[in-house]
């Protein structure tokens, strides 16, 4: 079985972000980039599936040379091969899905894993878009997965609870925290990853539907006000909430 894992190279959530000079992108200076945290669950599930059922795991990413760092980590964890779909330009979710879908077709992968979302734009739709372009089944926000031949049983999170669904291969699974505990790359795996070649291809062209026109930081918080310490302050509080904060 050929198993594909699609991964993103994203800024560390602990990194301080500044807006670039163009006002449309972030300033990369001083920014630490990491494997998208949700994608680590996807990688781990792919590796567990390979260990249980056999097959081969290929990791795929869309972006520039910096994405190789993320692909190397996936290789060090145990993936067999990696593909970088090169594009120096910013893509929307559809553009990324288009490039991934074309490569997945070439890889002839029937089982595809994504993280449920990337922590940079948080759109949570790339996996589902890719499934639609491939005409694959899709189950999102998965926290438990069982594969029995061609049958897929997945438990997924929904608002207020969980549901269990059944589908079949080929399928795209988007992984949620709790699906597994991602492994650490061993020293042996890190050394082996250095010897593995990352295949580089130009990402296929795609029409983009979303354009970033401006990025800006949230307005700084205003200083707090102390109106009083007893019930006499209630009327003033209500007045300010209505006239100044406009929340009531």
C-alpha atoms as a PDB file:
ATOM      1  CA  UNK A   1       0.000   0.000   0.000  1.00  0.00           C
ATOM      2  CA  UNK A   2       1.253   3.469  -0.870  1.00  0.00           C
ATOM      3  CA  UNK A   3       0.548   5.934   1.940  1.00  0.00           C
ATOM      4  CA  UNK A   4       0.941   9.686   1.422  1.00  0.00           C
ATOM      5  CA  UNK A   5       1.286  12.305   4.146  1.00  0.00           C
ATOM      6  CA  UNK A   6       0.892  15.972   3.240  1.00  0.00           C
ATOM      7  CA  UNK A   7       2.805  18.319   5.546  1.00  0.00           C
ATOM      8  CA  UNK A   8       3.163  22.065   6.097  1.00  0.00           C
ATOM      9  CA  UNK A   9       6.183  24.111   7.181  1.00  0.00           C
ATOM     10  CA  UNK A  10       4.795  26.727   9.591  1.00  0.00           C
ATOM     11  CA  UNK A  11       6.011  29.357  12.061  1.00  0.00           C
ATOM     12  CA  UNK A  12       6.374  28.126  15.629  1.00  0.00           C
ATOM     13  CA  UNK A  13       3.359  29.362  17.604  1.00  0.00           C
ATOM     14  CA  UNK A  14       5.776  30.663  20.271  1.00  0.00           C
ATOM     15  CA  UNK A  15       7.602  32.854  17.742  1.00  0.00           C
ATOM     16  CA  UNK A  16       7.006  36.593  17.743  1.00  0.00           C
ATOM     17  CA  UNK A  17       5.506  37.516  14.375  1.00  0.00           C
ATOM     18  CA  UNK A  18       6.105  40.832  12.603  1.00  0.00           C
ATOM     19  CA  UNK A  19       4.488  42.033   9.382  1.00  0.00           C
ATOM     20  CA  UNK A  20       6.762  42.249   6.347  1.00  0.00           C
ATOM     21  CA  UNK A  21       7.499  45.485   4.500  1.00  0.00           C
ATOM     22  CA  UNK A  22       4.933  44.636   1.801  1.00  0.00           C
ATOM     23  CA  UNK A  23       2.149  44.518   4.399  1.00  0.00           C
ATOM     24  CA  UNK A  24       0.928  41.210   2.992  1.00  0.00           C
ATOM     25  CA  UNK A  25       3.335  38.623   4.385  1.00  0.00           C
ATOM     26  CA  UNK A  26       5.154  38.000   7.641  1.00  0.00           C
ATOM     27  CA  UNK A  27       8.742  39.080   8.144  1.00  0.00           C
ATOM     28  CA  UNK A  28      10.771  35.821   8.168  1.00  0.00           C
ATOM     29  CA  UNK A  29      13.698  37.345  10.097  1.00  0.00           C
ATOM     30  CA  UNK A  30      14.014  35.691  13.475  1.00  0.00           C
ATOM     31  CA  UNK A  31      11.056  33.368  12.874  1.00  0.00           C
ATOM     32  CA  UNK A  32      11.481  29.714  13.838  1.00  0.00           C
ATOM     33  CA  UNK A  33       9.700  27.291  11.511  1.00  0.00           C
ATOM     34  CA  UNK A  34       8.536  23.808  12.487  1.00  0.00           C
ATOM     35  CA  UNK A  35       6.500  20.872  11.231  1.00  0.00           C
ATOM     36  CA  UNK A  36       2.850  21.814  11.517  1.00  0.00           C
ATOM     37  CA  UNK A  37       1.906  20.244  14.899  1.00  0.00           C
ATOM     38  CA  UNK A  38      -1.235  18.513  13.583  1.00  0.00           C
ATOM     39  CA  UNK A  39       0.808  17.024  10.742  1.00  0.00           C
ATOM     40  CA  UNK A  40       2.919  15.160  13.299  1.00  0.00           C
ATOM     41  CA  UNK A  41      -0.172  13.115  14.197  1.00  0.00           C
ATOM     42  CA  UNK A  42      -0.686  12.430  10.489  1.00  0.00           C
ATOM     43  CA  UNK A  43       2.916  11.260  10.061  1.00  0.00           C
ATOM     44  CA  UNK A  44       2.696   9.018  13.107  1.00  0.00           C
ATOM     45  CA  UNK A  45      -0.550   7.414  11.943  1.00  0.00           C
ATOM     46  CA  UNK A  46       0.932   6.746   8.518  1.00  0.00           C
ATOM     47  CA  UNK A  47       3.975   5.087  10.090  1.00  0.00           C
ATOM     48  CA  UNK A  48       1.804   2.991  12.424  1.00  0.00           C
ATOM     49  CA  UNK A  49      -0.285   1.878   9.457  1.00  0.00           C
ATOM     50  CA  UNK A  50       2.825   0.918   7.523  1.00  0.00           C
ATOM     51  CA  UNK A  51       4.158  -1.073  10.487  1.00  0.00           C
ATOM     52  CA  UNK A  52       0.845  -2.916  10.818  1.00  0.00           C
ATOM     53  CA  UNK A  53      -0.102  -3.478   7.186  1.00  0.00           C
ATOM     54  CA  UNK A  54       3.127  -2.945   5.256  1.00  0.00           C
ATOM     55  CA  UNK A  55       3.621  -0.541   2.394  1.00  0.00           C
ATOM     56  CA  UNK A  56       5.537   2.658   1.809  1.00  0.00           C
ATOM     57  CA  UNK A  57       5.150   6.164   3.249  1.00  0.00           C
ATOM     58  CA  UNK A  58       5.852   9.241   1.136  1.00  0.00           C
ATOM     59  CA  UNK A  59       5.671  12.775   2.584  1.00  0.00           C
ATOM     60  CA  UNK A  60       4.744  15.671   0.321  1.00  0.00           C
ATOM     61  CA  UNK A  61       4.979  19.424   0.878  1.00  0.00           C
ATOM     62  CA  UNK A  62       4.298  22.518  -1.224  1.00  0.00           C
ATOM     63  CA  UNK A  63       6.653  25.462  -0.818  1.00  0.00           C
ATOM     64  CA  UNK A  64      10.256  26.567  -1.190  1.00  0.00           C
ATOM     65  CA  UNK A  65      13.575  25.081  -0.100  1.00  0.00           C
ATOM     66  CA  UNK A  66      12.865  25.893   3.551  1.00  0.00           C
ATOM     67  CA  UNK A  67      10.232  23.128   3.525  1.00  0.00           C
ATOM     68  CA  UNK A  68      13.028  20.573   3.238  1.00  0.00           C
ATOM     69  CA  UNK A  69      13.615  20.963   6.968  1.00  0.00           C
ATOM     70  CA  UNK A  70      10.115  19.662   7.671  1.00  0.00           C
ATOM     71  CA  UNK A  71      10.463  16.869   5.111  1.00  0.00           C
ATOM     72  CA  UNK A  72      13.762  15.809   6.710  1.00  0.00           C
ATOM     73  CA  UNK A  73      12.066  15.514  10.098  1.00  0.00           C
ATOM     74  CA  UNK A  74       9.384  13.276   8.599  1.00  0.00           C
ATOM     75  CA  UNK A  75      12.093  11.144   7.001  1.00  0.00           C
ATOM     76  CA  UNK A  76      13.916  10.934  10.330  1.00  0.00           C
ATOM     77  CA  UNK A  77      10.699   9.739  11.987  1.00  0.00           C
ATOM     78  CA  UNK A  78      10.595   6.855   9.503  1.00  0.00           C
ATOM     79  CA  UNK A  79       9.020   7.956   6.212  1.00  0.00           C
ATOM     80  CA  UNK A  80      10.496   6.222   3.172  1.00  0.00           C
ATOM     81  CA  UNK A  81      10.631   9.103   0.701  1.00  0.00           C
ATOM     82  CA  UNK A  82       9.790  12.780   0.313  1.00  0.00           C
ATOM     83  CA  UNK A  83       8.653  15.105  -2.464  1.00  0.00           C
ATOM     84  CA  UNK A  84       8.944  18.905  -2.462  1.00  0.00           C
ATOM     85  CA  UNK A  85       6.534  20.620  -4.853  1.00  0.00           C
ATOM     86  CA  UNK A  86       8.369  23.885  -5.375  1.00  0.00           C
ATOM     87  CA  UNK A  87       6.651  27.245  -5.505  1.00  0.00           C
ATOM     88  CA  UNK A  88       8.140  30.477  -4.203  1.00  0.00           C
ATOM     89  CA  UNK A  89       4.773  32.239  -4.329  1.00  0.00           C
ATOM     90  CA  UNK A  90       2.038  32.247  -1.721  1.00  0.00           C
ATOM     91  CA  UNK A  91      -0.858  29.885  -2.517  1.00  0.00           C
ATOM     92  CA  UNK A  92      -4.356  29.662  -1.122  1.00  0.00           C
ATOM     93  CA  UNK A  93      -5.825  26.374   0.117  1.00  0.00           C
ATOM     94  CA  UNK A  94      -7.148  25.433  -3.312  1.00  0.00           C
ATOM     95  CA  UNK A  95      -3.784  26.079  -4.969  1.00  0.00           C
ATOM     96  CA  UNK A  96      -2.038  23.870  -2.427  1.00  0.00           C
ATOM     97  CA  UNK A  97      -4.697  21.153  -2.758  1.00  0.00           C
ATOM     98  CA  UNK A  98      -4.376  21.208  -6.554  1.00  0.00           C
ATOM     99  CA  UNK A  99      -0.618  20.629  -6.406  1.00  0.00           C
ATOM    100  CA  UNK A 100      -0.955  17.891  -3.774  1.00  0.00           C
ATOM    101  CA  UNK A 101      -3.739  16.093  -5.647  1.00  0.00           C
ATOM    102  CA  UNK A 102      -1.707  15.897  -8.844  1.00  0.00           C
ATOM    103  CA  UNK A 103       1.281  14.442  -6.991  1.00  0.00           C
ATOM    104  CA  UNK A 104      -0.862  11.945  -5.061  1.00  0.00           C
ATOM    105  CA  UNK A 105      -2.216  10.695  -8.392  1.00  0.00           C
ATOM    106  CA  UNK A 106       1.335  10.175  -9.642  1.00  0.00           C
ATOM    107  CA  UNK A 107       2.262   8.371  -6.423  1.00  0.00           C
ATOM    108  CA  UNK A 108      -0.858   6.174  -6.767  1.00  0.00           C
ATOM    109  CA  UNK A 109      -1.481   6.524  -3.033  1.00  0.00           C
ATOM    110  CA  UNK A 110      -4.841   5.205  -1.819  1.00  0.00           C
ATOM    111  CA  UNK A 111      -4.450   6.285   1.803  1.00  0.00           C
ATOM    112  CA  UNK A 112      -3.663   9.949   2.418  1.00  0.00           C
ATOM    113  CA  UNK A 113      -3.093  11.698   5.753  1.00  0.00           C
ATOM    114  CA  UNK A 114      -3.229  15.409   6.612  1.00  0.00           C
ATOM    115  CA  UNK A 115      -3.230  17.287   9.879  1.00  0.00           C
ATOM    116  CA  UNK A 116      -6.724  18.676  10.493  1.00  0.00           C
ATOM    117  CA  UNK A 117      -5.403  22.204   9.877  1.00  0.00           C
ATOM    118  CA  UNK A 118      -2.188  24.197   9.663  1.00  0.00           C
ATOM    119  CA  UNK A 119      -1.514  26.607  12.498  1.00  0.00           C
ATOM    120  CA  UNK A 120      -0.555  29.508  10.238  1.00  0.00           C
ATOM    121  CA  UNK A 121      -3.814  30.178   8.364  1.00  0.00           C
ATOM    122  CA  UNK A 122      -6.112  27.700  10.180  1.00  0.00           C
ATOM    123  CA  UNK A 123      -8.393  27.238   7.173  1.00  0.00           C
ATOM    124  CA  UNK A 124      -8.999  23.528   7.921  1.00  0.00           C
ATOM    125  CA  UNK A 125     -10.032  22.762   4.329  1.00  0.00           C
ATOM    126  CA  UNK A 126      -6.941  21.641   2.382  1.00  0.00           C
ATOM    127  CA  UNK A 127      -7.425  17.945   3.136  1.00  0.00           C
ATOM    128  CA  UNK A 128     -11.074  18.016   2.116  1.00  0.00           C
ATOM    129  CA  UNK A 129     -10.315  20.002  -1.054  1.00  0.00           C
ATOM    130  CA  UNK A 130      -7.633  17.483  -2.003  1.00  0.00           C
ATOM    131  CA  UNK A 131     -10.065  14.602  -1.473  1.00  0.00           C
ATOM    132  CA  UNK A 132     -12.622  16.312  -3.713  1.00  0.00           C
ATOM    133  CA  UNK A 133     -10.064  16.874  -6.479  1.00  0.00           C
ATOM    134  CA  UNK A 134      -9.027  13.217  -6.250  1.00  0.00           C
ATOM    135  CA  UNK A 135     -12.610  11.966  -5.930  1.00  0.00           C
ATOM    136  CA  UNK A 136     -11.526  10.142  -2.743  1.00  0.00           C
ATOM    137  CA  UNK A 137     -13.600   9.531   0.352  1.00  0.00           C
ATOM    138  CA  UNK A 138     -12.773  11.869   3.237  1.00  0.00           C
ATOM    139  CA  UNK A 139     -13.041  11.795   7.030  1.00  0.00           C
ATOM    140  CA  UNK A 140     -11.918  14.844   9.004  1.00  0.00           C
ATOM    141  CA  UNK A 141     -10.870  15.527  12.618  1.00  0.00           C
ATOM    142  CA  UNK A 142     -10.141  11.836  13.269  1.00  0.00           C
ATOM    143  CA  UNK A 143      -9.164  10.713  16.788  1.00  0.00           C
ATOM    144  CA  UNK A 144      -9.278   6.944  16.262  1.00  0.00           C
ATOM    145  CA  UNK A 145      -8.712   4.913  13.108  1.00  0.00           C
ATOM    146  CA  UNK A 146      -9.011   1.250  12.168  1.00  0.00           C
ATOM    147  CA  UNK A 147      -8.202  -0.216   8.764  1.00  0.00           C
ATOM    148  CA  UNK A 148      -9.424  -3.715   7.908  1.00  0.00           C
ATOM    149  CA  UNK A 149      -8.670  -4.527   4.309  1.00  0.00           C
ATOM    150  CA  UNK A 150     -10.575  -1.976   2.244  1.00  0.00           C
ATOM    151  CA  UNK A 151     -12.823  -0.978   5.148  1.00  0.00           C
ATOM    152  CA  UNK A 152     -12.069   2.177   7.141  1.00  0.00           C
ATOM    153  CA  UNK A 153     -13.658   2.818  10.541  1.00  0.00           C
ATOM    154  CA  UNK A 154     -12.931   6.243  11.975  1.00  0.00           C
ATOM    155  CA  UNK A 155     -13.994   8.064  15.117  1.00  0.00           C
ATOM    156  CA  UNK A 156     -14.127  11.812  14.619  1.00  0.00           C
ATOM    157  CA  UNK A 157     -14.781  14.801  16.811  1.00  0.00           C
ATOM    158  CA  UNK A 158     -17.969  16.792  16.319  1.00  0.00           C
ATOM    159  CA  UNK A 159     -19.387  19.673  18.307  1.00  0.00           C
ATOM    160  CA  UNK A 160     -20.502  18.308  21.664  1.00  0.00           C
ATOM    161  CA  UNK A 161     -19.310  14.744  21.101  1.00  0.00           C
ATOM    162  CA  UNK A 162     -17.862  12.160  18.730  1.00  0.00           C
ATOM    163  CA  UNK A 163     -19.204  10.051  15.896  1.00  0.00           C
ATOM    164  CA  UNK A 164     -18.050   6.818  14.276  1.00  0.00           C
ATOM    165  CA  UNK A 165     -18.150   6.573  10.492  1.00  0.00           C
ATOM    166  CA  UNK A 166     -17.317   3.826   8.013  1.00  0.00           C
ATOM    167  CA  UNK A 167     -15.909   4.325   4.538  1.00  0.00           C
ATOM    168  CA  UNK A 168     -13.490   2.622   2.173  1.00  0.00           C
ATOM    169  CA  UNK A 169     -10.264   3.170   0.295  1.00  0.00           C
ATOM    170  CA  UNK A 170      -9.195   5.406  -1.348  1.00  0.00           C
ATOM    171  CA  UNK A 171      -9.577   7.920   1.459  1.00  0.00           C
ATOM    172  CA  UNK A 172      -8.173  11.158   2.866  1.00  0.00           C
ATOM    173  CA  UNK A 173      -7.920  11.304   6.672  1.00  0.00           C
ATOM    174  CA  UNK A 174      -7.296  14.557   8.565  1.00  0.00           C
ATOM    175  CA  UNK A 175      -5.752  13.933  11.983  1.00  0.00           C
ATOM    176  CA  UNK A 176      -6.738  15.555  15.259  1.00  0.00           C
ATOM    177  CA  UNK A 177      -4.764  15.696  18.490  1.00  0.00           C
ATOM    178  CA  UNK A 178      -5.419  12.483  20.422  1.00  0.00           C
ATOM    179  CA  UNK A 179      -5.212  10.169  17.420  1.00  0.00           C
ATOM    180  CA  UNK A 180      -1.796   8.979  18.627  1.00  0.00           C
ATOM    181  CA  UNK A 181       1.388  10.081  20.356  1.00  0.00           C
ATOM    182  CA  UNK A 182       3.940  11.151  17.703  1.00  0.00           C
ATOM    183  CA  UNK A 183       7.306   9.465  18.056  1.00  0.00           C
ATOM    184  CA  UNK A 184      10.611  11.262  18.384  1.00  0.00           C
ATOM    185  CA  UNK A 185      13.149  10.801  15.630  1.00  0.00           C
ATOM    186  CA  UNK A 186      15.904   8.425  16.779  1.00  0.00           C
ATOM    187  CA  UNK A 187      19.582   9.091  16.155  1.00  0.00           C
ATOM    188  CA  UNK A 188      19.553   6.213  13.687  1.00  0.00           C
ATOM    189  CA  UNK A 189      16.564   7.761  11.929  1.00  0.00           C
ATOM    190  CA  UNK A 190      18.210  11.196  11.786  1.00  0.00           C
ATOM    191  CA  UNK A 191      21.375   9.748  10.262  1.00  0.00           C
ATOM    192  CA  UNK A 192      19.361   7.693   7.772  1.00  0.00           C
ATOM    193  CA  UNK A 193      17.337  10.755   6.767  1.00  0.00           C
ATOM    194  CA  UNK A 194      20.507  12.592   5.755  1.00  0.00           C
ATOM    195  CA  UNK A 195      21.137   9.921   3.132  1.00  0.00           C
ATOM    196  CA  UNK A 196      17.635  10.032   1.688  1.00  0.00           C
ATOM    197  CA  UNK A 197      17.008  12.214  -1.349  1.00  0.00           C
ATOM    198  CA  UNK A 198      14.144  14.691  -1.397  1.00  0.00           C
ATOM    199  CA  UNK A 199      12.673  14.674  -4.889  1.00  0.00           C
ATOM    200  CA  UNK A 200      12.004  18.188  -6.173  1.00  0.00           C
ATOM    201  CA  UNK A 201       9.332  19.060  -8.707  1.00  0.00           C
ATOM    202  CA  UNK A 202       7.652  22.243  -9.858  1.00  0.00           C
ATOM    203  CA  UNK A 203       4.184  22.492  -8.348  1.00  0.00           C
ATOM    204  CA  UNK A 204       1.466  22.437 -11.004  1.00  0.00           C
ATOM    205  CA  UNK A 205      -0.119  25.781 -11.763  1.00  0.00           C
ATOM    206  CA  UNK A 206      -3.493  26.539 -10.225  1.00  0.00           C
ATOM    207  CA  UNK A 207      -6.019  29.344 -10.281  1.00  0.00           C
ATOM    208  CA  UNK A 208      -6.081  31.066  -6.890  1.00  0.00           C
ATOM    209  CA  UNK A 209      -9.348  32.222  -5.361  1.00  0.00           C
ATOM    210  CA  UNK A 210      -8.027  34.022  -2.283  1.00  0.00           C
ATOM    211  CA  UNK A 211      -5.629  36.968  -2.187  1.00  0.00           C
ATOM    212  CA  UNK A 212      -4.074  38.470   0.922  1.00  0.00           C
ATOM    213  CA  UNK A 213      -4.589  42.208   0.561  1.00  0.00           C
ATOM    214  CA  UNK A 214      -3.339  43.283   3.971  1.00  0.00           C
ATOM    215  CA  UNK A 215      -1.893  41.911   7.190  1.00  0.00           C
ATOM    216  CA  UNK A 216      -1.981  43.846  10.435  1.00  0.00           C
ATOM    217  CA  UNK A 217      -1.591  43.153  14.111  1.00  0.00           C
ATOM    218  CA  UNK A 218      -4.548  43.439  16.484  1.00  0.00           C
ATOM    219  CA  UNK A 219      -4.970  46.828  18.128  1.00  0.00           C
ATOM    220  CA  UNK A 220      -3.237  47.016  21.516  1.00  0.00           C
ATOM    221  CA  UNK A 221      -5.423  46.549  24.553  1.00  0.00           C
ATOM    222  CA  UNK A 222      -6.640  49.727  26.201  1.00  0.00           C
ATOM    223  CA  UNK A 223      -5.808  50.415  29.808  1.00  0.00           C
ATOM    224  CA  UNK A 224      -8.354  49.124  32.299  1.00  0.00           C
ATOM    225  CA  UNK A 225     -10.602  51.345  34.394  1.00  0.00           C
ATOM    226  CA  UNK A 226     -11.554  50.950  38.036  1.00  0.00           C
ATOM    227  CA  UNK A 227     -14.996  52.469  38.564  1.00  0.00           C
ATOM    228  CA  UNK A 228     -15.413  51.703  42.232  1.00  0.00           C
ATOM    229  CA  UNK A 229     -15.554  48.941  44.763  1.00  0.00           C
ATOM    230  CA  UNK A 230     -19.226  48.874  45.731  1.00  0.00           C
ATOM    231  CA  UNK A 231     -22.683  48.856  44.153  1.00  0.00           C
ATOM    232  CA  UNK A 232     -22.518  52.570  43.374  1.00  0.00           C
ATOM    233  CA  UNK A 233     -20.295  51.745  40.376  1.00  0.00           C
ATOM    234  CA  UNK A 234     -22.889  49.499  38.696  1.00  0.00           C
ATOM    235  CA  UNK A 235     -24.780  52.259  36.861  1.00  0.00           C
ATOM    236  CA  UNK A 236     -21.552  53.758  35.509  1.00  0.00           C
ATOM    237  CA  UNK A 237     -20.361  50.301  34.422  1.00  0.00           C
ATOM    238  CA  UNK A 238     -23.590  49.657  32.532  1.00  0.00           C
ATOM    239  CA  UNK A 239     -23.368  53.080  30.880  1.00  0.00           C
ATOM    240  CA  UNK A 240     -19.787  52.467  29.680  1.00  0.00           C
ATOM    241  CA  UNK A 241     -20.589  48.973  28.443  1.00  0.00           C
ATOM    242  CA  UNK A 242     -23.447  50.426  26.385  1.00  0.00           C
ATOM    243  CA  UNK A 243     -21.958  53.687  25.131  1.00  0.00           C
ATOM    244  CA  UNK A 244     -18.200  53.036  25.000  1.00  0.00           C
ATOM    245  CA  UNK A 245     -17.648  49.292  24.654  1.00  0.00           C
ATOM    246  CA  UNK A 246     -20.963  48.872  22.790  1.00  0.00           C
ATOM    247  CA  UNK A 247     -21.412  45.293  23.992  1.00  0.00           C
ATOM    248  CA  UNK A 248     -24.912  45.724  25.423  1.00  0.00           C
END
